[in-house]
Amino acid sequence: MSKPQALWFMNGRVTIDVAQADNDDGISVITHEVPSGDGPPLHVHREEDEIFVVLEGKLKLTVGEESLTAEPGGTLLINRGVPHGYKVVSPGKARFLTITRGGFENLVRQSSRPAGGDGLPPLAEPTPDQKEKLAAIASANGVDMVGPPID
């Protein structure tokens, strides 16, 4: 088994707890810590389902046409091909797991940098170039950006 690797991904901190390379099924388990008010662009995984397990905090999610909230203990399956996104609505941060089998782990690895400490990275609005680069990396790994972050 690989040692868990901590990375700064967008405005959050991720730890790759189970790497695809460490199991025959290609399953990846990633812990996310994301600051209040933050979330990814609306996106679609073309080739993999995604499971969210909320450990701490509260998430507002858009999944297809539905608006949902998820709190600690909540588990949500998002099927491939369904547009989705989340926003952290709890104060401070939220902490959750994503479980996937496909390109998402590669997307995270390719668009992250080593965590520079124990906390979250400095909060920053992505530049147009950073958004374009993330969209290209995502697309190469089976994920398409289809809209802005949810409100």
Protein backbone atom coordinates (compact mmCIF):
# COMPACT_ATOMS: atom_id res chain seq x y z
CA MET A 1 0.00 0.00 0.00
CA SER A 2 1.14 3.51 -0.78
CA LYS A 3 1.54 6.03 2.01
CA PRO A 4 -1.38 8.52 1.98
CA GLN A 5 -0.37 11.61 0.03
CA ALA A 6 -1.57 15.12 1.02
CA LEU A 7 -2.06 17.62 -1.80
CA TRP A 8 -3.52 21.09 -2.25
CA PHE A 9 -6.27 20.72 -4.85
CA MET A 10 -7.94 23.95 -5.92
CA ASN A 11 -8.73 25.74 -2.60
CA GLY A 12 -8.79 22.54 -0.57
CA ARG A 13 -6.59 19.87 0.86
CA VAL A 14 -6.93 16.28 -0.31
CA THR A 15 -5.35 13.11 0.95
CA ILE A 16 -5.28 10.12 -1.35
CA ASP A 17 -6.00 7.44 1.24
CA VAL A 18 -6.40 4.53 -1.18
CA ALA A 19 -4.69 4.85 -4.55
CA GLN A 20 -5.95 3.06 -7.64
CA ALA A 21 -2.53 1.50 -8.09
CA ASP A 22 -2.91 -0.26 -4.73
CA ASN A 23 -5.88 -2.46 -5.64
CA ASP A 24 -7.02 -4.68 -8.50
CA ASP A 25 -10.35 -2.85 -8.94
CA GLY A 26 -8.81 0.61 -9.46
CA ILE A 27 -10.78 2.10 -6.56
CA SER A 28 -9.64 5.42 -5.18
CA VAL A 29 -10.60 6.90 -1.79
CA ILE A 30 -9.78 10.57 -1.29
CA THR A 31 -10.38 12.70 1.82
CA HIS A 32 -11.25 16.32 0.98
CA GLU A 33 -11.07 19.34 3.30
CA VAL A 34 -12.71 22.35 1.63
CA PRO A 35 -13.22 25.83 3.07
CA SER A 36 -16.63 27.38 3.62
CA GLY A 37 -18.10 28.92 0.47
CA ASP A 38 -15.92 26.92 -1.91
CA GLY A 39 -16.73 24.21 -4.43
CA PRO A 40 -15.80 23.02 -7.92
CA PRO A 41 -17.37 24.00 -11.22
CA LEU A 42 -20.45 22.03 -12.25
CA HIS A 43 -19.05 18.94 -13.92
CA VAL A 44 -19.81 15.48 -15.32
CA HIS A 45 -17.81 12.27 -14.91
CA ARG A 46 -18.09 10.46 -18.25
CA GLU A 47 -16.74 7.10 -17.14
CA GLU A 48 -17.17 6.68 -13.39
CA ASP A 49 -19.70 6.93 -10.61
CA GLU A 50 -18.74 9.00 -7.56
CA ILE A 51 -19.66 8.34 -3.94
CA PHE A 52 -19.58 11.20 -1.39
CA VAL A 53 -19.44 10.45 2.35
CA VAL A 54 -19.69 13.57 4.52
CA LEU A 55 -17.55 13.40 7.67
CA GLU A 56 -17.74 16.99 8.94
CA GLY A 57 -19.60 20.15 7.92
CA LYS A 58 -22.46 20.65 5.49
CA LEU A 59 -22.56 20.57 1.69
CA LYS A 60 -25.14 22.00 -0.68
CA LEU A 61 -25.19 19.89 -3.85
CA THR A 62 -26.69 20.13 -7.27
CA VAL A 63 -27.13 16.70 -8.84
CA GLY A 64 -28.83 16.86 -12.20
CA GLU A 65 -31.97 18.92 -11.58
CA GLU A 66 -32.01 18.27 -7.81
CA SER A 67 -30.75 20.50 -5.01
CA LEU A 68 -29.66 18.53 -1.95
CA THR A 69 -27.86 19.03 1.34
CA ALA A 70 -25.55 16.54 2.98
CA GLU A 71 -24.38 16.56 6.59
CA PRO A 72 -22.11 14.27 8.62
CA GLY A 73 -23.02 10.65 8.06
CA GLY A 74 -24.65 11.44 4.71
CA THR A 75 -23.70 9.27 1.76
CA LEU A 76 -24.58 10.11 -1.81
CA LEU A 77 -24.04 8.17 -5.04
CA ILE A 78 -23.71 10.29 -8.16
CA ASN A 79 -23.99 8.25 -11.34
CA ARG A 80 -21.68 8.85 -14.26
CA GLY A 81 -23.09 11.24 -16.84
CA VAL A 82 -25.02 13.33 -14.28
CA PRO A 83 -23.93 17.00 -13.93
CA HIS A 84 -23.10 17.83 -10.33
CA GLY A 85 -21.29 20.20 -8.04
CA TYR A 86 -21.19 21.19 -4.40
CA LYS A 87 -20.61 24.20 -2.20
CA VAL A 88 -19.50 24.07 1.43
CA VAL A 89 -22.20 25.89 3.42
CA SER A 90 -20.98 25.18 6.96
CA PRO A 91 -18.75 27.66 8.77
CA GLY A 92 -15.05 26.91 8.64
CA LYS A 93 -14.78 23.89 6.36
CA ALA A 94 -16.25 20.55 5.39
CA ARG A 95 -14.50 17.22 5.30
CA PHE A 96 -15.71 14.36 3.12
CA LEU A 97 -14.60 11.30 1.20
CA THR A 98 -14.97 10.64 -2.49
CA ILE A 99 -14.80 7.09 -3.73
CA THR A 100 -14.31 6.56 -7.46
CA ARG A 101 -12.92 4.12 -9.99
CA GLY A 102 -11.60 5.90 -13.07
CA GLY A 103 -9.88 9.13 -14.01
CA PHE A 104 -10.74 11.33 -11.03
CA GLU A 105 -7.66 10.39 -8.99
CA ASN A 106 -5.45 11.24 -11.99
CA LEU A 107 -7.23 14.58 -12.41
CA VAL A 108 -6.53 15.37 -8.74
CA ARG A 109 -2.88 14.34 -8.97
CA GLN A 110 -2.27 16.26 -12.21
CA SER A 111 -3.91 19.50 -11.04
CA SER A 112 -2.59 19.60 -7.45
CA ARG A 113 0.59 20.55 -5.71
CA PRO A 114 2.16 19.05 -2.58
CA ALA A 115 0.47 20.37 0.55
CA GLY A 116 2.64 23.08 2.08
CA GLY A 117 1.68 22.36 5.68
CA ASP A 118 -1.16 20.88 7.69
CA GLY A 119 -3.88 23.39 6.85
CA LEU A 120 -5.70 24.56 3.77
CA PRO A 121 -3.96 26.49 0.99
CA PRO A 122 -4.39 30.25 0.78
CA LEU A 123 -7.87 30.98 -0.61
CA ALA A 124 -7.63 32.28 -4.17
CA GLU A 125 -10.04 32.87 -7.04
CA PRO A 126 -8.74 30.90 -10.05
CA THR A 127 -7.48 32.91 -13.00
CA PRO A 128 -8.92 32.29 -16.48
CA ASP A 129 -5.69 30.44 -17.37
CA GLN A 130 -6.02 28.21 -14.29
CA LYS A 131 -9.65 27.46 -15.15
CA GLU A 132 -8.67 26.57 -18.71
CA LYS A 133 -5.83 24.32 -17.52
CA LEU A 134 -8.12 22.53 -15.02
CA ALA A 135 -10.76 21.99 -17.72
CA ALA A 136 -8.14 20.47 -20.06
CA ILE A 137 -6.76 18.14 -17.36
CA ALA A 138 -10.29 17.17 -16.35
CA SER A 139 -11.33 16.41 -19.93
CA ALA A 140 -8.24 14.26 -20.48
CA ASN A 141 -9.31 12.24 -17.42
CA GLY A 142 -12.98 11.73 -18.33
CA VAL A 143 -14.49 14.73 -16.52
CA ASP A 144 -16.13 17.65 -18.36
CA MET A 145 -16.70 21.09 -16.86
CA VAL A 146 -20.25 22.07 -17.80
CA GLY A 147 -20.91 25.21 -15.75
CA PRO A 148 -19.75 27.54 -13.02
CA PRO A 149 -19.60 26.60 -9.33
CA ILE A 150 -23.07 26.39 -7.76
CA ASP A 151 -24.46 29.20 -5.61
